Amino acid sequence: MEASTETKIPTSSLQNEPQWFALKVSRKESLAMKVMEDAGLRAYCPMAATDTTIHGQKKIVERPLIPNTIFVFAPFRRINALKNQNTFITYCYKKVDGKFKILQVPTREMELFIDSSTKMKNDITYFHPEEVELKQGDRVRIVGGLFDGYEGTLLKAKGRAKRMFLINFEMLGAIGTHIEPQYIRVIK
């Protein structure tokens, strides 16, 4: 590895302090969660309900909100020891000043993320697209996806499976975009 791309590990004073780390787990989120929890560590993998087809049947299944990623609160040394025993677990990195640094999430940000993703999950009522009649003029809120949390007025809905919605957002103006129908909630 070149000097300009060396991996920066936490300083020795931080190696024994518990903190949040993002870990890559190559489609084995539930196994990685079990490894961390069996070791007595706090681990988090946000889940979301998604519509999928299994053996020709439409079903709603829970899948990781951020595929291939879990978050663990522990000292670096504990995570490193578990990572070395379980080769499917690796660190997530970010590039800082030309060097790769192990991704650590500030505790406050992680707690807000856990709180908001849990509230969002508990507050979602899933409807199949054919169960919801959206019509022009409906006040809608987007729950999930790129426009999560935005509210606006539905101007048009075109298409069947992947619908094109033209929504007038107060802050953004009118936007025409593909939004999965399960992310749109009518505000009553």
N, C-alpha and C. Protein backbone atom coordinates (compact mmCIF):
# COMPACT_ATOMS: atom_id res chain seq x y z
N MET A 1 0.84 -1.17 0.00
CA MET A 1 0.00 0.00 0.00
C MET A 1 0.89 1.24 0.00
N GLU A 2 0.58 2.22 -0.85
CA GLU A 2 1.38 3.43 -0.92
C GLU A 2 1.21 4.26 0.34
N ALA A 3 2.19 5.10 0.62
CA ALA A 3 2.13 5.94 1.82
C ALA A 3 0.92 6.86 1.79
N SER A 4 0.52 7.32 0.60
CA SER A 4 -0.60 8.26 0.50
C SER A 4 -1.94 7.58 0.73
N THR A 5 -1.97 6.25 0.71
CA THR A 5 -3.24 5.55 0.92
C THR A 5 -3.20 4.65 2.15
N GLU A 6 -2.29 4.91 3.07
CA GLU A 6 -2.19 4.04 4.25
C GLU A 6 -3.44 4.16 5.11
N THR A 7 -3.75 3.08 5.81
CA THR A 7 -4.91 3.05 6.68
C THR A 7 -4.59 3.69 8.01
N LYS A 8 -5.43 4.59 8.43
CA LYS A 8 -5.23 5.25 9.72
C LYS A 8 -6.11 4.56 10.75
N ILE A 9 -5.48 3.98 11.78
CA ILE A 9 -6.24 3.33 12.85
C ILE A 9 -6.37 4.31 14.01
N PRO A 10 -7.34 4.08 14.88
CA PRO A 10 -7.50 4.99 16.01
C PRO A 10 -6.24 5.06 16.85
N THR A 11 -5.99 6.23 17.44
CA THR A 11 -4.82 6.39 18.30
C THR A 11 -4.92 5.44 19.48
N SER A 12 -3.79 5.12 20.08
CA SER A 12 -3.77 4.12 21.16
C SER A 12 -4.68 4.49 22.32
N SER A 13 -4.83 5.79 22.60
CA SER A 13 -5.73 6.19 23.70
C SER A 13 -7.18 5.87 23.37
N LEU A 14 -7.52 5.82 22.08
CA LEU A 14 -8.89 5.52 21.69
C LEU A 14 -9.15 4.02 21.49
N GLN A 15 -8.11 3.22 21.43
CA GLN A 15 -8.28 1.80 21.16
C GLN A 15 -9.04 1.08 22.28
N ASN A 16 -9.01 1.60 23.49
CA ASN A 16 -9.70 0.96 24.60
C ASN A 16 -11.02 1.63 24.94
N GLU A 17 -11.33 2.74 24.29
CA GLU A 17 -12.59 3.46 24.53
C GLU A 17 -13.66 2.93 23.59
N PRO A 18 -14.85 2.58 24.12
CA PRO A 18 -15.91 2.15 23.20
C PRO A 18 -16.37 3.31 22.32
N GLN A 19 -16.57 3.03 21.07
CA GLN A 19 -17.08 3.99 20.10
C GLN A 19 -17.78 3.25 18.98
N TRP A 20 -18.52 3.97 18.18
CA TRP A 20 -19.26 3.35 17.08
C TRP A 20 -18.37 3.20 15.86
N PHE A 21 -18.35 1.99 15.32
CA PHE A 21 -17.64 1.69 14.08
C PHE A 21 -18.63 1.14 13.07
N ALA A 22 -18.44 1.50 11.80
CA ALA A 22 -19.22 0.90 10.71
C ALA A 22 -18.39 -0.25 10.15
N LEU A 23 -19.03 -1.42 10.01
CA LEU A 23 -18.35 -2.61 9.51
C LEU A 23 -19.04 -3.16 8.27
N LYS A 24 -18.25 -3.60 7.30
CA LYS A 24 -18.76 -4.27 6.10
C LYS A 24 -18.85 -5.76 6.39
N VAL A 25 -19.95 -6.40 5.93
CA VAL A 25 -20.15 -7.80 6.29
C VAL A 25 -20.58 -8.70 5.13
N SER A 26 -20.40 -8.28 3.91
CA SER A 26 -20.66 -9.07 2.70
C SER A 26 -21.91 -9.96 2.78
N ARG A 27 -23.06 -9.34 2.85
CA ARG A 27 -24.38 -9.99 2.85
C ARG A 27 -24.59 -10.97 3.99
N LYS A 28 -23.94 -10.76 5.10
CA LYS A 28 -24.11 -11.65 6.25
C LYS A 28 -24.41 -10.81 7.49
N GLU A 29 -25.34 -9.86 7.33
CA GLU A 29 -25.65 -8.95 8.43
C GLU A 29 -26.13 -9.68 9.68
N SER A 30 -27.02 -10.64 9.52
CA SER A 30 -27.56 -11.34 10.69
C SER A 30 -26.48 -12.17 11.39
N LEU A 31 -25.60 -12.79 10.63
CA LEU A 31 -24.50 -13.56 11.23
C LEU A 31 -23.54 -12.63 11.97
N ALA A 32 -23.20 -11.51 11.37
CA ALA A 32 -22.30 -10.55 12.02
C ALA A 32 -22.94 -9.99 13.29
N MET A 33 -24.24 -9.71 13.24
CA MET A 33 -24.94 -9.22 14.44
C MET A 33 -24.85 -10.26 15.55
N LYS A 34 -25.03 -11.54 15.20
CA LYS A 34 -24.95 -12.61 16.20
C LYS A 34 -23.55 -12.69 16.79
N VAL A 35 -22.52 -12.60 15.96
CA VAL A 35 -21.14 -12.65 16.44
C VAL A 35 -20.90 -11.52 17.45
N MET A 36 -21.33 -10.32 17.12
CA MET A 36 -21.11 -9.17 18.00
C MET A 36 -21.93 -9.27 19.29
N GLU A 37 -23.18 -9.68 19.16
CA GLU A 37 -24.04 -9.79 20.34
C GLU A 37 -23.59 -10.94 21.25
N ASP A 38 -23.14 -12.06 20.66
CA ASP A 38 -22.62 -13.18 21.47
C ASP A 38 -21.37 -12.75 22.25
N ALA A 39 -20.64 -11.77 21.71
CA ALA A 39 -19.45 -11.26 22.40
C ALA A 39 -19.83 -10.18 23.42
N GLY A 40 -21.13 -9.91 23.55
CA GLY A 40 -21.58 -8.92 24.54
C GLY A 40 -21.47 -7.49 24.07
N LEU A 41 -21.36 -7.28 22.76
CA LEU A 41 -21.22 -5.93 22.22
C LEU A 41 -22.57 -5.41 21.72
N ARG A 42 -22.72 -4.10 21.75
CA ARG A 42 -23.92 -3.47 21.21
C ARG A 42 -23.74 -3.32 19.71
N ALA A 43 -24.67 -3.89 18.96
CA ALA A 43 -24.59 -3.83 17.50
C ALA A 43 -25.94 -3.39 16.96
N TYR A 44 -25.91 -2.71 15.80
CA TYR A 44 -27.14 -2.19 15.20
C TYR A 44 -27.09 -2.36 13.70
N CYS A 45 -28.19 -2.88 13.17
CA CYS A 45 -28.36 -3.01 11.72
C CYS A 45 -29.78 -2.53 11.42
N PRO A 46 -29.93 -1.31 10.87
CA PRO A 46 -31.27 -0.81 10.58
C PRO A 46 -31.94 -1.65 9.51
N MET A 47 -33.20 -1.98 9.74
CA MET A 47 -33.96 -2.80 8.80
C MET A 47 -35.12 -2.01 8.22
N ALA A 48 -35.55 -2.40 7.03
CA ALA A 48 -36.69 -1.77 6.37
C ALA A 48 -37.51 -2.84 5.67
N ALA A 49 -38.82 -2.66 5.68
CA ALA A 49 -39.71 -3.58 4.98
C ALA A 49 -39.68 -3.26 3.49
N THR A 50 -39.50 -4.30 2.67
CA THR A 50 -39.48 -4.11 1.23
C THR A 50 -40.41 -5.12 0.57
N ASP A 51 -40.94 -4.74 -0.54
CA ASP A 51 -41.83 -5.58 -1.32
C ASP A 51 -40.96 -6.39 -2.27
N THR A 52 -41.13 -7.72 -2.27
CA THR A 52 -40.32 -8.57 -3.15
C THR A 52 -41.17 -9.73 -3.65
N THR A 53 -40.69 -10.41 -4.65
CA THR A 53 -41.38 -11.58 -5.18
C THR A 53 -40.54 -12.81 -4.87
N ILE A 54 -41.15 -13.77 -4.15
CA ILE A 54 -40.48 -15.02 -3.80
C ILE A 54 -41.33 -16.16 -4.33
N HIS A 55 -40.75 -16.95 -5.23
CA HIS A 55 -41.46 -18.07 -5.86
C HIS A 55 -42.78 -17.60 -6.47
N GLY A 56 -42.76 -16.46 -7.15
CA GLY A 56 -43.94 -15.95 -7.83
C GLY A 56 -44.96 -15.27 -6.92
N GLN A 57 -44.70 -15.21 -5.63
CA GLN A 57 -45.62 -14.59 -4.67
C GLN A 57 -45.04 -13.26 -4.19
N LYS A 58 -45.89 -12.21 -4.20
CA LYS A 58 -45.46 -10.92 -3.65
C LYS A 58 -45.49 -11.02 -2.13
N LYS A 59 -44.39 -10.64 -1.50
CA LYS A 59 -44.28 -10.68 -0.04
C LYS A 59 -43.57 -9.43 0.45
N ILE A 60 -43.81 -9.11 1.71
CA ILE A 60 -43.09 -8.03 2.37
C ILE A 60 -42.07 -8.68 3.28
N VAL A 61 -40.80 -8.34 3.07
CA VAL A 61 -39.73 -8.91 3.88
C VAL A 61 -38.88 -7.77 4.45
N GLU A 62 -38.24 -8.05 5.58
CA GLU A 62 -37.32 -7.07 6.16
C GLU A 62 -35.94 -7.31 5.59
N ARG A 63 -35.34 -6.21 5.15
CA ARG A 63 -33.98 -6.26 4.62
C ARG A 63 -33.19 -5.11 5.24
N PRO A 64 -31.88 -5.24 5.28
CA PRO A 64 -31.07 -4.15 5.83
C PRO A 64 -31.27 -2.85 5.04
N LEU A 65 -31.44 -1.77 5.78
CA LEU A 65 -31.59 -0.45 5.17
C LEU A 65 -30.30 -0.05 4.45
N ILE A 66 -29.16 -0.41 5.03
CA ILE A 66 -27.86 -0.16 4.41
C ILE A 66 -27.22 -1.53 4.18
N PRO A 67 -27.37 -2.08 2.98
CA PRO A 67 -26.88 -3.43 2.73
C PRO A 67 -25.39 -3.59 3.05
N ASN A 68 -25.04 -4.77 3.55
CA ASN A 68 -23.65 -5.16 3.83
C ASN A 68 -22.99 -4.34 4.94
N THR A 69 -23.76 -3.69 5.79
CA THR A 69 -23.18 -2.83 6.82
C THR A 69 -23.89 -3.03 8.15
N ILE A 70 -23.09 -3.12 9.22
CA ILE A 70 -23.63 -3.07 10.58
C ILE A 70 -22.81 -2.04 11.35
N PHE A 71 -23.35 -1.61 12.48
CA PHE A 71 -22.67 -0.65 13.34
C PHE A 71 -22.45 -1.31 14.69
N VAL A 72 -21.26 -1.14 15.25
CA VAL A 72 -20.93 -1.78 16.52
C VAL A 72 -20.31 -0.75 17.45
N PHE A 73 -20.78 -0.77 18.71
CA PHE A 73 -20.24 0.11 19.75
C PHE A 73 -19.35 -0.73 20.66
N ALA A 74 -18.05 -0.50 20.54
CA ALA A 74 -17.07 -1.27 21.32
C ALA A 74 -15.70 -0.64 21.15
N PRO A 75 -14.76 -1.03 22.01
CA PRO A 75 -13.38 -0.58 21.81
C PRO A 75 -12.81 -1.19 20.52
N PHE A 76 -11.95 -0.44 19.87
CA PHE A 76 -11.32 -0.89 18.62
C PHE A 76 -10.67 -2.26 18.78
N ARG A 77 -9.98 -2.48 19.89
CA ARG A 77 -9.28 -3.76 20.09
C ARG A 77 -10.25 -4.95 20.11
N ARG A 78 -11.43 -4.77 20.73
CA ARG A 78 -12.42 -5.88 20.78
C ARG A 78 -12.95 -6.19 19.39
N ILE A 79 -13.28 -5.13 18.66
CA ILE A 79 -13.79 -5.34 17.29
C ILE A 79 -12.71 -5.97 16.43
N ASN A 80 -11.50 -5.49 16.56
CA ASN A 80 -10.39 -6.02 15.75
C ASN A 80 -10.19 -7.50 16.01
N ALA A 81 -10.27 -7.92 17.27
CA ALA A 81 -10.10 -9.35 17.61
C ALA A 81 -11.21 -10.18 16.97
N LEU A 82 -12.45 -9.70 17.04
CA LEU A 82 -13.57 -10.43 16.43
C LEU A 82 -13.46 -10.44 14.91
N LYS A 83 -13.03 -9.34 14.34
CA LYS A 83 -12.86 -9.23 12.88
C LYS A 83 -11.82 -10.24 12.41
N ASN A 84 -10.74 -10.38 13.18
CA ASN A 84 -9.69 -11.32 12.80
C ASN A 84 -10.14 -12.78 12.88
N GLN A 85 -11.12 -13.08 13.73
CA GLN A 85 -11.67 -14.44 13.85
C GLN A 85 -12.77 -14.71 12.82
N ASN A 86 -13.35 -13.67 12.25
CA ASN A 86 -14.47 -13.80 11.31
C ASN A 86 -14.12 -13.02 10.05
N THR A 87 -13.56 -13.72 9.07
CA THR A 87 -13.00 -13.06 7.89
C THR A 87 -14.03 -12.35 7.02
N PHE A 88 -15.31 -12.60 7.21
CA PHE A 88 -16.32 -11.91 6.40
C PHE A 88 -16.62 -10.51 6.94
N ILE A 89 -16.04 -10.16 8.07
CA ILE A 89 -16.22 -8.84 8.67
C ILE A 89 -14.98 -7.99 8.38
N THR A 90 -15.19 -6.81 7.80
CA THR A 90 -14.10 -5.87 7.56
C THR A 90 -14.55 -4.48 7.99
N TYR A 91 -13.62 -3.56 8.03
CA TYR A 91 -13.94 -2.19 8.38
C TYR A 91 -14.46 -1.43 7.16
N CYS A 92 -15.29 -0.43 7.42
CA CYS A 92 -15.64 0.56 6.39
C CYS A 92 -14.60 1.67 6.52
N TYR A 93 -14.19 2.23 5.40
CA TYR A 93 -13.18 3.28 5.40
C TYR A 93 -13.71 4.53 4.73
N LYS A 94 -13.12 5.65 5.09
CA LYS A 94 -13.36 6.90 4.37
C LYS A 94 -12.00 7.53 4.11
N LYS A 95 -11.91 8.28 3.03
CA LYS A 95 -10.65 8.90 2.66
C LYS A 95 -10.59 10.29 3.29
N VAL A 96 -9.54 10.52 4.06
CA VAL A 96 -9.32 11.81 4.72
C VAL A 96 -7.89 12.26 4.41
N ASP A 97 -7.76 13.40 3.77
CA ASP A 97 -6.44 13.95 3.43
C ASP A 97 -5.57 12.93 2.68
N GLY A 98 -6.16 12.21 1.75
CA GLY A 98 -5.41 11.25 0.94
C GLY A 98 -5.12 9.93 1.61
N LYS A 99 -5.59 9.74 2.84
CA LYS A 99 -5.35 8.48 3.56
C LYS A 99 -6.70 7.86 3.90
N PHE A 100 -6.71 6.53 3.96
CA PHE A 100 -7.93 5.84 4.34
C PHE A 100 -8.00 5.71 5.85
N LYS A 101 -9.13 6.11 6.40
CA LYS A 101 -9.33 6.08 7.85
C LYS A 101 -10.52 5.17 8.16
N ILE A 102 -10.39 4.35 9.19
CA ILE A 102 -11.49 3.48 9.60
C ILE A 102 -12.66 4.38 9.99
N LEU A 103 -13.84 4.03 9.47
CA LEU A 103 -15.03 4.87 9.67
C LEU A 103 -15.56 4.72 11.09
N GLN A 104 -15.48 5.79 11.85
CA GLN A 104 -16.04 5.86 13.19
C GLN A 104 -17.19 6.86 13.13
N VAL A 105 -18.28 6.54 13.80
CA VAL A 105 -19.44 7.42 13.81
C VAL A 105 -19.53 8.06 15.19
N PRO A 106 -19.58 9.40 15.26
CA PRO A 106 -19.72 10.04 16.57
C PRO A 106 -20.95 9.51 17.30
N THR A 107 -20.82 9.31 18.60
CA THR A 107 -21.88 8.70 19.40
C THR A 107 -23.21 9.45 19.25
N ARG A 108 -23.19 10.76 19.32
CA ARG A 108 -24.43 11.55 19.22
C ARG A 108 -25.11 11.31 17.86
N GLU A 109 -24.34 11.32 16.77
CA GLU A 109 -24.90 11.08 15.45
C GLU A 109 -25.49 9.68 15.35
N MET A 110 -24.79 8.70 15.92
CA MET A 110 -25.28 7.32 15.86
C MET A 110 -26.56 7.16 16.65
N GLU A 111 -26.64 7.77 17.83
CA GLU A 111 -27.86 7.69 18.64
C GLU A 111 -29.03 8.33 17.91
N LEU A 112 -28.80 9.47 17.24
CA LEU A 112 -29.86 10.11 16.45
C LEU A 112 -30.28 9.23 15.29
N PHE A 113 -29.30 8.58 14.63
CA PHE A 113 -29.59 7.69 13.52
C PHE A 113 -30.43 6.50 13.99
N ILE A 114 -30.05 5.89 15.11
CA ILE A 114 -30.80 4.75 15.66
C ILE A 114 -32.21 5.18 16.00
N ASP A 115 -32.33 6.33 16.67
CA ASP A 115 -33.64 6.84 17.08
C ASP A 115 -34.53 7.11 15.87
N SER A 116 -34.00 7.82 14.87
CA SER A 116 -34.83 8.17 13.72
C SER A 116 -35.16 6.95 12.86
N SER A 117 -34.21 6.03 12.67
CA SER A 117 -34.51 4.86 11.85
C SER A 117 -35.48 3.92 12.56
N THR A 118 -35.42 3.87 13.88
CA THR A 118 -36.37 3.05 14.64
C THR A 118 -37.76 3.66 14.60
N LYS A 119 -37.84 4.97 14.80
CA LYS A 119 -39.14 5.65 14.73
C LYS A 119 -39.75 5.52 13.34
N MET A 120 -38.90 5.69 12.32
CA MET A 120 -39.39 5.59 10.95
C MET A 120 -39.95 4.19 10.70
N LYS A 121 -39.22 3.18 11.15
CA LYS A 121 -39.66 1.80 10.94
C LYS A 121 -40.97 1.52 11.67
N ASN A 122 -41.09 2.00 12.92
CA ASN A 122 -42.30 1.76 13.70
C ASN A 122 -43.48 2.59 13.22
N ASP A 123 -43.23 3.66 12.49
CA ASP A 123 -44.28 4.57 12.06
C ASP A 123 -44.79 4.25 10.66
N ILE A 124 -44.17 3.28 10.00
CA ILE A 124 -44.55 2.98 8.62
C ILE A 124 -45.67 1.94 8.58
N THR A 125 -46.70 2.26 7.83
CA THR A 125 -47.72 1.28 7.52
C THR A 125 -47.55 0.98 6.04
N TYR A 126 -47.31 -0.26 5.69
CA TYR A 126 -47.05 -0.62 4.31
C TYR A 126 -48.35 -0.94 3.58
N PHE A 127 -48.51 -0.36 2.41
CA PHE A 127 -49.65 -0.65 1.54
C PHE A 127 -49.10 -1.06 0.19
N HIS A 128 -49.69 -2.08 -0.41
CA HIS A 128 -49.36 -2.40 -1.79
C HIS A 128 -49.88 -1.27 -2.67
N PRO A 129 -49.22 -1.01 -3.79
CA PRO A 129 -49.65 0.10 -4.64
C PRO A 129 -51.13 0.05 -5.02
N GLU A 130 -51.65 -1.15 -5.23
CA GLU A 130 -53.06 -1.26 -5.62
C GLU A 130 -54.03 -0.97 -4.47
N GLU A 131 -53.51 -0.91 -3.24
CA GLU A 131 -54.36 -0.63 -2.08
C GLU A 131 -54.54 0.87 -1.82
N VAL A 132 -53.71 1.68 -2.45
CA VAL A 132 -53.75 3.11 -2.19
C VAL A 132 -54.13 3.85 -3.46
N GLU A 133 -55.14 4.65 -3.38
CA GLU A 133 -55.55 5.47 -4.50
C GLU A 133 -55.02 6.88 -4.28
N LEU A 134 -53.94 7.20 -4.94
CA LEU A 134 -53.41 8.55 -4.88
C LEU A 134 -54.06 9.35 -5.99
N LYS A 135 -54.45 10.57 -5.66
CA LYS A 135 -55.05 11.40 -6.68
C LYS A 135 -54.48 12.81 -6.64
N GLN A 136 -54.62 13.49 -7.73
CA GLN A 136 -54.12 14.85 -7.83
C GLN A 136 -54.67 15.70 -6.70
N GLY A 137 -53.78 16.48 -6.07
CA GLY A 137 -54.20 17.36 -4.99
C GLY A 137 -53.99 16.77 -3.60
N ASP A 138 -53.70 15.45 -3.50
CA ASP A 138 -53.46 14.84 -2.19
C ASP A 138 -52.22 15.46 -1.55
N ARG A 139 -52.30 15.73 -0.26
CA ARG A 139 -51.13 16.13 0.52
C ARG A 139 -50.39 14.84 0.87
N VAL A 140 -49.10 14.76 0.56
CA VAL A 140 -48.34 13.54 0.78
C VAL A 140 -47.05 13.82 1.53
N ARG A 141 -46.58 12.78 2.21
CA ARG A 141 -45.27 12.80 2.89
C ARG A 141 -44.49 11.62 2.35
N ILE A 142 -43.20 11.84 2.09
CA ILE A 142 -42.32 10.77 1.63
C ILE A 142 -41.66 10.16 2.86
N VAL A 143 -41.74 8.85 2.99
CA VAL A 143 -41.16 8.13 4.13
C VAL A 143 -40.16 7.13 3.56
N GLY A 144 -38.88 7.46 3.64
CA GLY A 144 -37.83 6.61 3.10
C GLY A 144 -37.34 7.13 1.77
N GLY A 145 -36.21 6.63 1.35
CA GLY A 145 -35.65 7.01 0.07
C GLY A 145 -34.99 8.39 0.11
N LEU A 146 -34.68 8.90 -1.06
CA LEU A 146 -33.95 10.15 -1.21
C LEU A 146 -34.68 11.35 -0.64
N PHE A 147 -36.01 11.38 -0.74
CA PHE A 147 -36.79 12.53 -0.29
C PHE A 147 -37.45 12.30 1.07
N ASP A 148 -36.88 11.41 1.87
CA ASP A 148 -37.43 11.07 3.18
C ASP A 148 -37.75 12.32 4.00
N GLY A 149 -38.99 12.38 4.50
CA GLY A 149 -39.38 13.48 5.37
C GLY A 149 -40.01 14.66 4.66
N TYR A 150 -39.89 14.74 3.34
CA TYR A 150 -40.46 15.86 2.61
C TYR A 150 -41.97 15.71 2.48
N GLU A 151 -42.65 16.84 2.51
CA GLU A 151 -44.10 16.87 2.32
C GLU A 151 -44.41 17.75 1.14
N GLY A 152 -45.51 17.45 0.48
CA GLY A 152 -45.91 18.26 -0.66
C GLY A 152 -47.28 17.89 -1.15
N THR A 153 -47.61 18.39 -2.34
CA THR A 153 -48.92 18.14 -2.96
C THR A 153 -48.69 17.33 -4.22
N LEU A 154 -49.43 16.24 -4.37
CA LEU A 154 -49.31 15.39 -5.55
C LEU A 154 -49.96 16.10 -6.73
N LEU A 155 -49.16 16.34 -7.77
CA LEU A 155 -49.69 17.01 -8.96
C LEU A 155 -50.09 16.00 -10.03
N LYS A 156 -49.29 14.93 -10.20
CA LYS A 156 -49.58 13.88 -11.20
C LYS A 156 -48.98 12.57 -10.72
N ALA A 157 -49.59 11.46 -11.16
CA ALA A 157 -49.04 10.13 -10.95
C ALA A 157 -49.18 9.37 -12.26
N LYS A 158 -48.07 8.95 -12.86
CA LYS A 158 -48.11 8.23 -14.13
C LYS A 158 -47.37 6.90 -13.99
N GLY A 159 -47.81 5.89 -14.72
CA GLY A 159 -47.15 4.59 -14.71
C GLY A 159 -47.83 3.63 -13.76
N ARG A 160 -47.38 2.35 -13.78
CA ARG A 160 -48.01 1.35 -12.91
C ARG A 160 -47.06 0.91 -11.81
N ALA A 161 -46.09 0.04 -12.14
CA ALA A 161 -45.24 -0.54 -11.10
C ALA A 161 -44.32 0.53 -10.49
N LYS A 162 -43.52 1.16 -11.33
CA LYS A 162 -42.69 2.26 -10.84
C LYS A 162 -43.36 3.53 -11.33
N ARG A 163 -43.99 4.21 -10.45
CA ARG A 163 -44.74 5.39 -10.85
C ARG A 163 -43.87 6.63 -10.87
N MET A 164 -44.20 7.50 -11.81
CA MET A 164 -43.57 8.81 -11.87
C MET A 164 -44.52 9.75 -11.15
N PHE A 165 -44.02 10.40 -10.13
CA PHE A 165 -44.83 11.34 -9.37
C PHE A 165 -44.28 12.73 -9.57
N LEU A 166 -45.18 13.66 -9.75
CA LEU A 166 -44.82 15.06 -9.78
C LEU A 166 -45.38 15.64 -8.49
N ILE A 167 -44.47 16.00 -7.61
CA ILE A 167 -44.88 16.47 -6.30
C ILE A 167 -44.37 17.90 -6.12
N ASN A 168 -45.24 18.76 -5.65
CA ASN A 168 -44.86 20.14 -5.37
C ASN A 168 -44.42 20.22 -3.91
N PHE A 169 -43.11 20.32 -3.70
CA PHE A 169 -42.56 20.44 -2.35
C PHE A 169 -42.43 21.91 -2.02
N GLU A 170 -42.77 22.28 -0.80
CA GLU A 170 -42.71 23.68 -0.41
C GLU A 170 -41.29 24.24 -0.54
N MET A 171 -40.30 23.49 -0.09
CA MET A 171 -38.92 23.99 -0.08
C MET A 171 -38.19 23.78 -1.41
N LEU A 172 -38.52 22.71 -2.12
CA LEU A 172 -37.76 22.36 -3.32
C LEU A 172 -38.42 22.78 -4.62
N GLY A 173 -39.70 23.12 -4.58
CA GLY A 173 -40.44 23.37 -5.80
C GLY A 173 -41.01 22.06 -6.32
N ALA A 174 -41.51 22.06 -7.55
CA ALA A 174 -42.10 20.85 -8.12
C ALA A 174 -41.00 19.93 -8.63
N ILE A 175 -41.11 18.65 -8.29
CA ILE A 175 -40.12 17.66 -8.71
C ILE A 175 -40.85 16.48 -9.33
N GLY A 176 -40.41 16.08 -10.50
CA GLY A 176 -40.92 14.87 -11.12
C GLY A 176 -39.89 13.79 -10.93
N THR A 177 -40.26 12.72 -10.26
CA THR A 177 -39.29 11.67 -9.99
C THR A 177 -39.99 10.33 -9.82
N HIS A 178 -39.22 9.26 -9.96
CA HIS A 178 -39.74 7.94 -9.68
C HIS A 178 -39.63 7.72 -8.18
N ILE A 179 -40.75 7.49 -7.54
CA ILE A 179 -40.77 7.19 -6.11
C ILE A 179 -41.61 5.93 -5.96
N GLU A 180 -41.06 4.95 -5.28
CA GLU A 180 -41.82 3.73 -5.05
C GLU A 180 -43.08 4.10 -4.26
N PRO A 181 -44.24 3.59 -4.65
CA PRO A 181 -45.49 3.96 -3.98
C PRO A 181 -45.49 3.69 -2.47
N GLN A 182 -44.75 2.69 -2.02
CA GLN A 182 -44.74 2.39 -0.59
C GLN A 182 -44.09 3.49 0.24
N TYR A 183 -43.35 4.41 -0.40
CA TYR A 183 -42.73 5.50 0.33
C TYR A 183 -43.63 6.73 0.45
N ILE A 184 -44.79 6.70 -0.18
CA ILE A 184 -45.68 7.86 -0.20
C ILE A 184 -46.83 7.62 0.78
N ARG A 185 -47.03 8.56 1.67
CA ARG A 185 -48.13 8.50 2.64
C ARG A 185 -49.02 9.70 2.43
N VAL A 186 -50.31 9.46 2.37
CA VAL A 186 -51.27 10.55 2.25
C VAL A 186 -51.42 11.17 3.65
N ILE A 187 -51.34 12.50 3.71
CA ILE A 187 -51.50 13.20 4.97
C ILE A 187 -52.98 13.54 5.09
N LYS A 188 -53.58 13.10 6.18
CA LYS A 188 -55.01 13.34 6.37
C LYS A 188 -55.25 14.50 7.29
